[in-house]
Amino acid sequence: MKGECPVCAAEIELGKDTVAGELVECPDCGTELEVIEIDPLTFTEAPQEEEDWGE
């Protein structure tokens, strides 16, 4: 399966076992992406983890 990085427009190829919600890294720009749809393969920037400050 192939999709496009929403940040740099690079083509990203993933295996057929990819599932929605999976996190991947763009091989060109290094942005962490979340798979939001399988058909067609669509990505969005993964949310940044926020500090919990020990809560």
Protein backbone atom coordinates (compact mmCIF):
# COMPACT_ATOMS: atom_id res chain seq x y z
CA MET A 1 0.00 0.00 0.00
CA LYS A 2 1.21 3.48 -0.84
CA GLY A 3 0.27 6.84 0.61
CA GLU A 4 1.59 10.39 0.69
CA CYS A 5 3.17 12.24 3.59
CA PRO A 6 0.96 15.26 4.41
CA VAL A 7 4.05 17.26 5.42
CA CYS A 8 6.54 16.76 2.57
CA ALA A 9 4.47 14.86 -0.05
CA ALA A 10 6.91 11.93 -0.09
CA GLU A 11 5.51 8.56 -1.12
CA ILE A 12 5.29 6.13 1.80
CA GLU A 13 4.88 2.41 1.20
CA LEU A 14 3.56 0.16 3.97
CA GLY A 15 2.78 -3.55 4.22
CA LYS A 16 -0.68 -5.04 3.80
CA ASP A 17 -0.85 -5.73 7.56
CA THR A 18 -1.01 -1.97 8.33
CA VAL A 19 -3.96 -0.94 10.51
CA ALA A 20 -5.68 2.39 11.17
CA GLY A 21 -4.19 4.12 14.20
CA GLU A 22 -0.69 2.76 13.54
CA LEU A 23 2.19 5.22 13.92
CA VAL A 24 4.85 5.39 11.23
CA GLU A 25 7.73 7.72 10.44
CA CYS A 26 8.14 9.45 7.07
CA PRO A 27 11.43 8.21 5.58
CA ASP A 28 12.09 11.62 3.96
CA CYS A 29 11.23 14.28 6.55
CA GLY A 30 11.14 12.12 9.72
CA THR A 31 7.70 13.35 10.81
CA GLU A 32 5.76 10.88 12.95
CA LEU A 33 2.50 10.09 11.18
CA GLU A 34 -0.69 8.28 12.15
CA VAL A 35 -2.51 6.06 9.66
CA ILE A 36 -6.08 7.39 9.65
CA GLU A 37 -7.49 5.36 6.77
CA ILE A 38 -6.44 2.20 4.96
CA ASP A 39 -8.29 2.52 1.63
CA PRO A 40 -6.99 4.86 0.37
CA LEU A 41 -3.92 4.94 2.61
CA THR A 42 -4.12 8.30 4.38
CA PHE A 43 -1.92 9.87 7.05
CA THR A 44 -2.11 12.77 9.46
CA GLU A 45 0.59 14.18 11.73
CA ALA A 46 0.65 12.18 14.97
CA PRO A 47 -0.33 14.19 18.04
CA GLN A 48 2.60 15.31 20.14
CA GLU A 49 2.87 13.64 23.52
CA GLU A 50 2.31 16.11 26.30
CA GLU A 51 4.13 16.11 29.62
CA ASP A 52 2.04 14.70 32.45
CA TRP A 53 4.33 16.25 35.08
CA GLY A 54 4.04 13.20 37.31
CA GLU A 55 0.25 13.16 37.43
